[in-house]
C-alpha atoms as a PDB file:
ATOM      1  CA  MET A   1      41.829  35.688  36.423  1.00  0.00           C
ATOM      2  CA  ASP A   2      41.724  36.597  32.641  1.00  0.00           C
ATOM      3  CA  THR A   3      45.160  36.766  30.843  1.00  0.00           C
ATOM      4  CA  ILE A   4      48.767  35.813  32.516  1.00  0.00           C
ATOM      5  CA  VAL A   5      51.215  38.228  30.512  1.00  0.00           C
ATOM      6  CA  THR A   6      55.552  37.457  30.981  1.00  0.00           C
ATOM      7  CA  VAL A   7      57.234  40.183  29.562  1.00  0.00           C
ATOM      8  CA  CYS A   8      60.779  39.213  27.990  1.00  0.00           C
ATOM      9  CA  ASP A   9      63.907  41.217  27.619  1.00  0.00           C
ATOM     10  CA  GLY A  10      64.431  40.406  23.576  1.00  0.00           C
ATOM     11  CA  SER A  11      68.290  41.506  24.653  1.00  0.00           C
ATOM     12  CA  SER A  12      68.763  39.327  27.324  1.00  0.00           C
ATOM     13  CA  LEU A  13      66.594  36.090  26.797  1.00  0.00           C
ATOM     14  CA  LEU A  14      69.120  33.931  25.891  1.00  0.00           C
ATOM     15  CA  ARG A  15      71.539  34.788  28.445  1.00  0.00           C
ATOM     16  CA  GLU A  16      69.461  34.583  31.389  1.00  0.00           C
ATOM     17  CA  LEU A  17      67.980  30.925  30.154  1.00  0.00           C
ATOM     18  CA  ARG A  18      71.311  29.679  30.642  1.00  0.00           C
ATOM     19  CA  ASN A  19      72.064  31.500  33.872  1.00  0.00           C
ATOM     20  CA  PRO A  20      72.842  29.384  36.972  1.00  0.00           C
ATOM     21  CA  ALA A  21      72.673  32.350  39.767  1.00  0.00           C
ATOM     22  CA  ASP A  22      70.335  32.181  42.379  1.00  0.00           C
ATOM     23  CA  VAL A  23      67.573  34.849  41.693  1.00  0.00           C
ATOM     24  CA  LYS A  24      69.295  37.504  44.275  1.00  0.00           C
ATOM     25  CA  GLY A  25      67.960  37.795  47.401  1.00  0.00           C
ATOM     26  CA  GLN A  26      65.038  35.274  46.669  1.00  0.00           C
ATOM     27  CA  ALA A  27      67.028  32.107  46.787  1.00  0.00           C
ATOM     28  CA  GLU A  28      65.436  31.005  50.282  1.00  0.00           C
ATOM     29  CA  ALA A  29      61.868  32.125  49.518  1.00  0.00           C
ATOM     30  CA  LEU A  30      61.979  30.080  46.071  1.00  0.00           C
ATOM     31  CA  GLY A  31      63.675  27.094  47.086  1.00  0.00           C
ATOM     32  CA  ARG A  32      66.737  28.222  45.501  1.00  0.00           C
ATOM     33  CA  MET A  33      65.033  28.699  42.705  1.00  0.00           C
ATOM     34  CA  THR A  34      67.575  29.937  39.814  1.00  0.00           C
ATOM     35  CA  VAL A  35      67.261  32.633  36.997  1.00  0.00           C
ATOM     36  CA  ALA A  36      67.016  30.437  34.384  1.00  0.00           C
ATOM     37  CA  GLN A  37      64.233  28.505  35.957  1.00  0.00           C
ATOM     38  CA  LEU A  38      62.111  31.720  36.907  1.00  0.00           C
ATOM     39  CA  MET A  39      62.284  32.571  33.865  1.00  0.00           C
ATOM     40  CA  ALA A  40      61.663  29.491  31.882  1.00  0.00           C
ATOM     41  CA  GLN A  41      58.155  28.822  34.001  1.00  0.00           C
ATOM     42  CA  GLN A  42      57.096  32.491  33.888  1.00  0.00           C
ATOM     43  CA  ILE A  43      57.258  32.121  29.772  1.00  0.00           C
ATOM     44  CA  GLU A  44      55.653  28.313  29.946  1.00  0.00           C
ATOM     45  CA  PHE A  45      52.538  29.573  31.842  1.00  0.00           C
ATOM     46  CA  ALA A  46      52.058  32.591  30.218  1.00  0.00           C
ATOM     47  CA  ASP A  47      49.190  33.403  27.684  1.00  0.00           C
ATOM     48  CA  VAL A  48      51.114  36.393  26.267  1.00  0.00           C
ATOM     49  CA  ILE A  49      54.577  36.687  26.013  1.00  0.00           C
ATOM     50  CA  VAL A  50      55.651  40.349  25.480  1.00  0.00           C
ATOM     51  CA  LEU A  51      58.932  40.604  23.638  1.00  0.00           C
ATOM     52  CA  ASN A  52      60.467  43.556  24.237  1.00  0.00           C
ATOM     53  CA  LYS A  53      63.849  45.629  22.860  1.00  0.00           C
ATOM     54  CA  ILE A  54      62.671  44.590  19.973  1.00  0.00           C
ATOM     55  CA  ASP A  55      64.941  47.427  18.916  1.00  0.00           C
ATOM     56  CA  LEU A  56      67.899  45.851  20.086  1.00  0.00           C
ATOM     57  CA  LEU A  57      67.746  43.003  18.186  1.00  0.00           C
ATOM     58  CA  ASP A  58      69.144  42.509  14.600  1.00  0.00           C
ATOM     59  CA  ALA A  59      67.071  40.089  12.316  1.00  0.00           C
ATOM     60  CA  PRO A  60      68.746  37.116  13.019  1.00  0.00           C
ATOM     61  CA  SER A  61      68.344  37.493  16.546  1.00  0.00           C
ATOM     62  CA  LEU A  62      64.587  38.338  16.826  1.00  0.00           C
ATOM     63  CA  ALA A  63      63.743  35.136  15.009  1.00  0.00           C
ATOM     64  CA  LEU A  64      65.962  33.164  17.081  1.00  0.00           C
ATOM     65  CA  ALA A  65      64.156  34.961  20.215  1.00  0.00           C
ATOM     66  CA  HIS A  66      60.624  34.469  18.751  1.00  0.00           C
ATOM     67  CA  ALA A  67      61.243  30.767  18.042  1.00  0.00           C
ATOM     68  CA  LEU A  68      62.202  29.938  20.984  1.00  0.00           C
ATOM     69  CA  LEU A  69      59.858  31.541  22.868  1.00  0.00           C
ATOM     70  CA  LYS A  70      57.231  29.751  20.918  1.00  0.00           C
ATOM     71  CA  GLU A  71      59.264  26.268  21.512  1.00  0.00           C
ATOM     72  CA  LEU A  72      59.007  27.143  25.152  1.00  0.00           C
ATOM     73  CA  ASN A  73      55.007  27.836  25.175  1.00  0.00           C
ATOM     74  CA  PRO A  74      53.349  27.098  21.358  1.00  0.00           C
ATOM     75  CA  ALA A  75      50.286  28.274  22.895  1.00  0.00           C
ATOM     76  CA  ALA A  76      51.233  31.442  23.893  1.00  0.00           C
ATOM     77  CA  GLU A  77      50.963  34.549  21.855  1.00  0.00           C
ATOM     78  CA  VAL A  78      54.272  36.418  21.368  1.00  0.00           C
ATOM     79  CA  CYS A  79      53.987  39.902  21.179  1.00  0.00           C
ATOM     80  CA  PRO A  80      57.073  42.222  19.794  1.00  0.00           C
ATOM     81  CA  SER A  81      57.355  45.392  21.114  1.00  0.00           C
ATOM     82  CA  LYS A  82      59.739  48.519  21.814  1.00  0.00           C
ATOM     83  CA  ARG A  83      60.201  50.361  25.301  1.00  0.00           C
ATOM     84  CA  SER A  84      57.330  47.369  26.269  1.00  0.00           C
ATOM     85  CA  VAL A  85      54.536  49.415  23.742  1.00  0.00           C
ATOM     86  CA  VAL A  86      51.742  46.939  22.905  1.00  0.00           C
ATOM     87  CA  ASP A  87      48.130  47.009  21.733  1.00  0.00           C
ATOM     88  CA  LEU A  88      46.093  46.806  24.911  1.00  0.00           C
ATOM     89  CA  ASN A  89      43.678  44.709  23.723  1.00  0.00           C
ATOM     90  CA  LYS A  90      46.295  41.958  23.338  1.00  0.00           C
ATOM     91  CA  ILE A  91      46.690  41.248  27.269  1.00  0.00           C
ATOM     92  CA  LEU A  92      43.328  42.751  28.345  1.00  0.00           C
ATOM     93  CA  ASN A  93      39.752  41.071  28.533  1.00  0.00           C
ATOM     94  CA  THR A  94      41.177  38.450  26.307  1.00  0.00           C
ATOM     95  CA  GLY A  95      40.040  35.370  28.136  1.00  0.00           C
ATOM     96  CA  LYS A  96      42.809  33.161  27.157  1.00  0.00           C
ATOM     97  CA  TYR A  97      43.526  32.054  31.070  1.00  0.00           C
ATOM     98  CA  GLU A  98      43.185  28.531  31.876  1.00  0.00           C
ATOM     99  CA  ARG A  99      44.318  27.142  35.010  1.00  0.00           C
ATOM    100  CA  ARG A 100      47.065  24.310  33.928  1.00  0.00           C
ATOM    101  CA  SER A 101      50.614  23.316  34.809  1.00  0.00           C
ATOM    102  CA  SER A 102      53.897  24.477  32.622  1.00  0.00           C
ATOM    103  CA  THR A 103      54.932  20.850  32.332  1.00  0.00           C
ATOM    104  CA  ALA A 104      51.311  20.328  30.875  1.00  0.00           C
ATOM    105  CA  SER A 105      52.452  23.339  28.780  1.00  0.00           C
ATOM    106  CA  LEU A 106      55.416  21.706  27.312  1.00  0.00           C
ATOM    107  CA  LEU A 107      54.009  18.156  26.650  1.00  0.00           C
ATOM    108  CA  SER A 108      50.484  19.786  24.857  1.00  0.00           C
ATOM    109  CA  ARG A 109      53.035  20.411  21.764  1.00  0.00           C
ATOM    110  CA  HIS A 110      54.158  16.606  21.663  1.00  0.00           C
ATOM    111  CA  GLN A 111      50.685  15.191  22.114  1.00  0.00           C
ATOM    112  CA  ASP A 112      51.253  13.018  18.272  1.00  0.00           C
ATOM    113  CA  LEU A 113      54.455  11.130  19.628  1.00  0.00           C
ATOM    114  CA  PRO A 114      53.964   7.377  20.325  1.00  0.00           C
ATOM    115  CA  PRO A 115      51.934   6.157  23.270  1.00  0.00           C
ATOM    116  CA  ALA A 116      54.069   5.684  26.641  1.00  0.00           C
ATOM    117  CA  SER A 117      54.405   1.693  25.275  1.00  0.00           C
ATOM    118  CA  GLY A 118      56.886   3.028  22.669  1.00  0.00           C
ATOM    119  CA  VAL A 119      55.537   1.478  19.568  1.00  0.00           C
ATOM    120  CA  CYS A 120      55.645   4.001  16.791  1.00  0.00           C
ATOM    121  CA  THR A 121      52.610   4.327  14.337  1.00  0.00           C
ATOM    122  CA  ARG A 122      54.451   7.001  12.278  1.00  0.00           C
ATOM    123  CA  PRO A 123      53.809   5.288   9.069  1.00  0.00           C
ATOM    124  CA  GLY A 124      57.073   3.727   7.602  1.00  0.00           C
ATOM    125  CA  CYS A 125      58.875   3.388  11.068  1.00  0.00           C
ATOM    126  CA  ASP A 126      59.872  -0.363  11.811  1.00  0.00           C
ATOM    127  CA  ASN A 127      61.379   1.027  15.128  1.00  0.00           C
ATOM    128  CA  HIS A 128      59.560  -0.420  18.197  1.00  0.00           C
ATOM    129  CA  GLU A 129      61.941   0.106  20.858  1.00  0.00           C
ATOM    130  CA  HIS A 130      60.874   1.546  23.980  1.00  0.00           C
ATOM    131  CA  GLY A 131      62.409   5.266  24.724  1.00  0.00           C
ATOM    132  CA  HIS A 132      61.890   5.876  20.438  1.00  0.00           C
ATOM    133  CA  GLU A 133      60.534   8.817  19.427  1.00  0.00           C
ATOM    134  CA  HIS A 134      60.307  11.298  16.294  1.00  0.00           C
ATOM    135  CA  GLU A 135      60.527  14.683  15.668  1.00  0.00           C
ATOM    136  CA  HIS A 136      56.569  14.884  14.832  1.00  0.00           C
ATOM    137  CA  GLY A 137      56.803  19.149  13.990  1.00  0.00           C
ATOM    138  CA  GLY A 138      55.845  20.621  10.574  1.00  0.00           C
ATOM    139  CA  ILE A 139      55.477  19.047   7.492  1.00  0.00           C
ATOM    140  CA  ALA A 140      58.082  16.243   6.349  1.00  0.00           C
ATOM    141  CA  GLY A 141      60.683  17.538   4.314  1.00  0.00           C
ATOM    142  CA  HIS A 142      60.331  21.239   5.647  1.00  0.00           C
ATOM    143  CA  LYS A 143      61.925  22.518   8.793  1.00  0.00           C
ATOM    144  CA  SER A 144      59.819  25.040  11.138  1.00  0.00           C
ATOM    145  CA  GLU A 145      61.399  28.491  12.293  1.00  0.00           C
ATOM    146  CA  ALA A 146      62.281  27.047  15.360  1.00  0.00           C
ATOM    147  CA  GLU A 147      64.536  24.346  13.293  1.00  0.00           C
ATOM    148  CA  ARG A 148      65.997  26.954  10.943  1.00  0.00           C
ATOM    149  CA  MET A 149      67.605  28.585  14.046  1.00  0.00           C
ATOM    150  CA  GLY A 150      68.761  25.230  15.385  1.00  0.00           C
ATOM    151  CA  ILE A 151      66.360  25.063  18.076  1.00  0.00           C
ATOM    152  CA  THR A 152      65.008  21.234  18.511  1.00  0.00           C
ATOM    153  CA  SER A 153      62.914  19.104  20.942  1.00  0.00           C
ATOM    154  CA  PHE A 154      62.045  15.849  21.710  1.00  0.00           C
ATOM    155  CA  VAL A 155      60.403  13.476  24.560  1.00  0.00           C
ATOM    156  CA  PHE A 156      62.479  10.914  26.210  1.00  0.00           C
ATOM    157  CA  ARG A 157      59.970   8.273  27.176  1.00  0.00           C
ATOM    158  CA  HIS A 158      60.585   4.477  28.696  1.00  0.00           C
ATOM    159  CA  ARG A 159      58.240   2.283  30.923  1.00  0.00           C
ATOM    160  CA  ARG A 160      60.894   1.148  32.779  1.00  0.00           C
ATOM    161  CA  PRO A 161      61.995   3.229  36.332  1.00  0.00           C
ATOM    162  CA  PHE A 162      64.866   5.212  36.649  1.00  0.00           C
ATOM    163  CA  HIS A 163      67.733   3.997  39.080  1.00  0.00           C
ATOM    164  CA  PRO A 164      67.494   6.510  41.709  1.00  0.00           C
ATOM    165  CA  GLN A 165      71.176   6.848  42.127  1.00  0.00           C
ATOM    166  CA  ARG A 166      72.289   6.883  38.963  1.00  0.00           C
ATOM    167  CA  LEU A 167      69.981   9.741  37.861  1.00  0.00           C
ATOM    168  CA  PHE A 168      70.832  11.380  40.787  1.00  0.00           C
ATOM    169  CA  LEU A 169      74.143  11.664  39.679  1.00  0.00           C
ATOM    170  CA  LEU A 170      73.178  13.130  36.352  1.00  0.00           C
ATOM    171  CA  ALA A 171      71.000  16.007  37.829  1.00  0.00           C
ATOM    172  CA  GLN A 172      74.443  16.349  39.788  1.00  0.00           C
ATOM    173  CA  SER A 173      76.648  16.830  36.440  1.00  0.00           C
ATOM    174  CA  PHE A 174      73.878  17.948  33.843  1.00  0.00           C
ATOM    175  CA  GLU A 175      75.521  20.015  32.235  1.00  0.00           C
ATOM    176  CA  SER A 176      78.819  18.455  31.854  1.00  0.00           C
ATOM    177  CA  ARG A 177      77.419  15.402  30.194  1.00  0.00           C
ATOM    178  CA  VAL A 178      74.873  16.606  28.028  1.00  0.00           C
ATOM    179  CA  GLY A 179      76.418  19.808  27.133  1.00  0.00           C
ATOM    180  CA  LYS A 180      75.156  23.671  27.223  1.00  0.00           C
ATOM    181  CA  SER A 181      73.009  23.079  24.400  1.00  0.00           C
ATOM    182  CA  VAL A 182      70.037  21.851  26.440  1.00  0.00           C
ATOM    183  CA  LEU A 183      68.253  25.235  27.694  1.00  0.00           C
ATOM    184  CA  ARG A 184      65.474  23.526  29.718  1.00  0.00           C
ATOM    185  CA  SER A 185      63.717  20.019  30.191  1.00  0.00           C
ATOM    186  CA  LYS A 186      60.667  19.190  32.133  1.00  0.00           C
ATOM    187  CA  GLY A 187      58.677  16.303  33.267  1.00  0.00           C
ATOM    188  CA  PHE A 188      57.221  13.650  34.910  1.00  0.00           C
ATOM    189  CA  VAL A 189      59.743  10.313  35.923  1.00  0.00           C
ATOM    190  CA  TRP A 190      59.397   7.232  37.845  1.00  0.00           C
ATOM    191  CA  ILE A 191      62.249   6.313  40.725  1.00  0.00           C
ATOM    192  CA  ALA A 192      62.243   2.384  41.049  1.00  0.00           C
ATOM    193  CA  THR A 193      62.547   3.394  44.643  1.00  0.00           C
ATOM    194  CA  ARG A 194      59.392   5.858  45.152  1.00  0.00           C
ATOM    195  CA  PRO A 195      56.398   3.951  43.463  1.00  0.00           C
ATOM    196  CA  ASP A 196      53.895   5.879  45.005  1.00  0.00           C
ATOM    197  CA  LEU A 197      54.522   9.227  43.541  1.00  0.00           C
ATOM    198  CA  MET A 198      55.680  10.903  39.900  1.00  0.00           C
ATOM    199  CA  GLY A 199      58.554  13.085  40.577  1.00  0.00           C
ATOM    200  CA  GLN A 200      59.027  16.054  38.753  1.00  0.00           C
ATOM    201  CA  TRP A 201      61.725  16.693  36.826  1.00  0.00           C
ATOM    202  CA  SER A 202      62.704  20.635  36.074  1.00  0.00           C
ATOM    203  CA  GLN A 203      65.678  21.749  34.468  1.00  0.00           C
ATOM    204  CA  ALA A 204      66.783  24.891  33.391  1.00  0.00           C
ATOM    205  CA  ALA A 205      70.860  26.125  32.518  1.00  0.00           C
ATOM    206  CA  SER A 206      72.914  23.535  34.729  1.00  0.00           C
ATOM    207  CA  ASN A 207      70.008  23.502  37.837  1.00  0.00           C
ATOM    208  CA  VAL A 208      68.065  20.287  37.892  1.00  0.00           C
ATOM    209  CA  GLU A 209      65.356  20.013  40.508  1.00  0.00           C
ATOM    210  CA  VAL A 210      63.633  16.846  41.087  1.00  0.00           C
ATOM    211  CA  ARG A 211      60.346  16.997  43.907  1.00  0.00           C
ATOM    212  CA  ALA A 212      56.895  15.376  44.312  1.00  0.00           C
ATOM    213  CA  GLY A 213      54.344  15.375  42.017  1.00  0.00           C
ATOM    214  CA  GLU A 214      50.876  13.879  41.984  1.00  0.00           C
ATOM    215  CA  PRO A 215      50.279  10.233  42.963  1.00  0.00           C
ATOM    216  CA  TRP A 216      50.637   7.809  39.551  1.00  0.00           C
ATOM    217  CA  TRP A 217      46.552   7.063  38.774  1.00  0.00           C
ATOM    218  CA  ALA A 218      47.650   3.103  39.357  1.00  0.00           C
ATOM    219  CA  MET A 219      47.995   4.166  43.524  1.00  0.00           C
ATOM    220  CA  VAL A 220      44.561   6.134  42.729  1.00  0.00           C
ATOM    221  CA  ASP A 221      41.235   3.889  43.807  1.00  0.00           C
ATOM    222  CA  LYS A 222      39.459   3.765  40.109  1.00  0.00           C
ATOM    223  CA  LYS A 223      36.167   5.102  41.631  1.00  0.00           C
ATOM    224  CA  GLU A 224      37.994   8.533  42.688  1.00  0.00           C
ATOM    225  CA  TRP A 225      39.125   8.502  38.764  1.00  0.00           C
ATOM    226  CA  PRO A 226      38.071  11.796  36.585  1.00  0.00           C
ATOM    227  CA  GLN A 227      34.993  10.756  34.043  1.00  0.00           C
ATOM    228  CA  GLY A 228      36.342   9.394  30.544  1.00  0.00           C
ATOM    229  CA  MET A 229      39.938   8.843  32.728  1.00  0.00           C
ATOM    230  CA  GLU A 230      39.822   5.206  32.707  1.00  0.00           C
ATOM    231  CA  GLN A 231      39.102   5.172  28.658  1.00  0.00           C
ATOM    232  CA  GLU A 232      41.516   7.452  27.845  1.00  0.00           C
ATOM    233  CA  VAL A 233      44.586   5.787  29.705  1.00  0.00           C
ATOM    234  CA  PHE A 234      43.347   2.092  27.930  1.00  0.00           C
ATOM    235  CA  SER A 235      42.853   3.897  24.578  1.00  0.00           C
ATOM    236  CA  THR A 236      46.169   6.172  24.049  1.00  0.00           C
ATOM    237  CA  GLY A 237      48.636   3.405  25.488  1.00  0.00           C
ATOM    238  CA  LEU A 238      49.398   5.474  28.373  1.00  0.00           C
ATOM    239  CA  TRP A 239      48.369   1.913  30.610  1.00  0.00           C
ATOM    240  CA  ASP A 240      50.878  -0.945  31.345  1.00  0.00           C
ATOM    241  CA  ASP A 241      48.833  -4.129  32.832  1.00  0.00           C
ATOM    242  CA  LYS A 242      51.605  -4.266  35.996  1.00  0.00           C
ATOM    243  CA  TYR A 243      52.717  -0.738  36.195  1.00  0.00           C
ATOM    244  CA  GLY A 244      50.214   1.227  35.499  1.00  0.00           C
ATOM    245  CA  ASP A 245      50.550   4.652  34.290  1.00  0.00           C
ATOM    246  CA  ARG A 246      54.192   4.745  35.672  1.00  0.00           C
ATOM    247  CA  GLN A 247      56.618   6.056  33.037  1.00  0.00           C
ATOM    248  CA  GLN A 248      59.114   8.225  31.996  1.00  0.00           C
ATOM    249  CA  GLU A 249      58.277  11.341  29.899  1.00  0.00           C
ATOM    250  CA  ILE A 250      60.394  14.185  29.730  1.00  0.00           C
ATOM    251  CA  VAL A 251      60.518  16.935  27.450  1.00  0.00           C
ATOM    252  CA  ILE A 252      63.862  18.356  26.444  1.00  0.00           C
ATOM    253  CA  ILE A 253      64.779  21.537  24.496  1.00  0.00           C
ATOM    254  CA  GLY A 254      68.008  22.694  23.481  1.00  0.00           C
ATOM    255  CA  ILE A 255      69.629  24.946  20.412  1.00  0.00           C
ATOM    256  CA  ASP A 256      72.318  22.745  18.087  1.00  0.00           C
ATOM    257  CA  MET A 257      71.331  20.065  21.080  1.00  0.00           C
ATOM    258  CA  ASP A 258      73.148  16.836  20.127  1.00  0.00           C
ATOM    259  CA  ASP A 259      70.089  14.559  20.506  1.00  0.00           C
ATOM    260  CA  GLU A 260      71.430  10.870  20.725  1.00  0.00           C
ATOM    261  CA  LEU A 261      73.890  12.079  23.284  1.00  0.00           C
ATOM    262  CA  VAL A 262      70.918  13.652  25.362  1.00  0.00           C
ATOM    263  CA  ARG A 263      68.776  10.437  25.003  1.00  0.00           C
ATOM    264  CA  SER A 264      71.834   8.074  26.519  1.00  0.00           C
ATOM    265  CA  GLN A 265      72.171   9.656  29.111  1.00  0.00           C
ATOM    266  CA  PHE A 266      68.718   9.325  30.261  1.00  0.00           C
ATOM    267  CA  ALA A 267      68.751   5.706  28.725  1.00  0.00           C
ATOM    268  CA  GLU A 268      72.167   4.881  31.312  1.00  0.00           C
ATOM    269  CA  CYS A 269      69.775   5.556  33.959  1.00  0.00           C
ATOM    270  CA  ILE A 270      67.165   3.149  33.497  1.00  0.00           C
ATOM    271  CA  LEU A 271      67.390   0.043  35.273  1.00  0.00           C
ATOM    272  CA  THR A 272      68.705  -3.037  33.441  1.00  0.00           C
ATOM    273  CA  ASP A 273      67.111  -6.538  32.896  1.00  0.00           C
ATOM    274  CA  ALA A 274      69.491  -7.864  35.859  1.00  0.00           C
ATOM    275  CA  GLU A 275      67.863  -4.752  38.232  1.00  0.00           C
ATOM    276  CA  MET A 276      64.588  -5.444  36.892  1.00  0.00           C
ATOM    277  CA  ALA A 277      64.405  -8.922  38.240  1.00  0.00           C
ATOM    278  CA  GLU A 278      65.127  -7.816  41.547  1.00  0.00           C
ATOM    279  CA  GLU A 279      61.886  -5.886  41.854  1.00  0.00           C
ATOM    280  CA  CYS A 280      59.697  -6.568  45.248  1.00  0.00           C
ATOM    281  CA  PRO A 281      55.967  -6.647  46.119  1.00  0.00           C
ATOM    282  CA  GLY A 282      54.328  -3.356  45.618  1.00  0.00           C
ATOM    283  CA  VAL A 283      56.511  -2.358  42.538  1.00  0.00           C
ATOM    284  CA  VAL A 284      59.714  -1.264  44.763  1.00  0.00           C
ATOM    285  CA  TRP A 285      63.287  -2.159  44.224  1.00  0.00           C
ATOM    286  CA  PRO A 286      64.151  -1.271  47.875  1.00  0.00           C
ATOM    287  CA  THR A 287      67.800  -2.292  47.522  1.00  0.00           C
ATOM    288  CA  LEU A 288      68.558  -0.179  45.376  1.00  0.00           C
ATOM    289  CA  LYS A 289      70.588   3.034  47.047  1.00  0.00           C
ATOM    290  CA  ASP A 290      68.671   6.322  46.673  1.00  0.00           C
ATOM    291  CA  PRO A 291      70.547   9.707  46.999  1.00  0.00           C
ATOM    292  CA  TRP A 292      67.435  11.687  46.618  1.00  0.00           C
ATOM    293  CA  PRO A 293      65.966  14.409  49.619  1.00  0.00           C
ATOM    294  CA  THR A 294      62.553  12.685  50.764  1.00  0.00           C
ATOM    295  CA  TRP A 295      60.043  14.044  49.278  1.00  0.00           C
ATOM    296  CA  GLU A 296      57.554  16.785  51.408  1.00  0.00           C
ATOM    297  CA  THR A 297      54.322  16.279  49.367  1.00  0.00           C
ATOM    298  CA  GLU A 298      51.620  19.287  50.080  1.00  0.00           C
ATOM    299  CA  GLU A 299      49.822  17.636  52.468  1.00  0.00           C
ATOM    300  CA  GLU A 300      52.922  17.147  54.500  1.00  0.00           C
END
């Protein structure tokens, strides 16, 4: 594998990213993946993105499409084209391919955000509450290309678990609660009734999916940790003495998005002080109603 190339129709990019319909004829095979989910994943996995049909776009629309692609996948090279004509040196023998998840691609642009402990180290910031985060892109006082187009993003982080039922209800009515401005959100979630595995949150358009992810490092014997992992989790603030690496970390991208509204909807799903007090041995809250389907792991 040398290069993963994705071709996007610039004239319909934004419309398709908001399309909640199933992929025709492939819904069952793809687990009812939507057009928006499929397109977002193809963009996030790509090493090179060919932005096609730029001759059908005016200057503002072209700038918006380019900025949106870079927001979804900052590491990819975007190659504008007409009728899919592109320099072959851009897509062949580039050596750009690196095996990774699309979630990792999204999270990579937010590595300068505060650690999972919620303590922000940005100079002049005195807000140290959990779930607090800044937009750290660009130079202070200067808007990036994406921001000038109304495209913003942030990471929702929290060290408490989600209430399974409240998160389920948010997922079921996501668009009605946060609006159509959220184009994409993806990351890892900790659900209070499921302490062993991280959940993989994936949203595009109005569709939300949460699947079983990898075990939390807290559930893995340290003898099996990769070399250097122990130093990394402790030096970056990832580790909590009681809960290990369990946390919420969701990247959210939108156009003209009400960031505070979106944050508040996720925050309402976090366990309250009273609910936290009901914790049972094993870092689990078994009395909470959990409407999520049973997770199927790769081993199963």
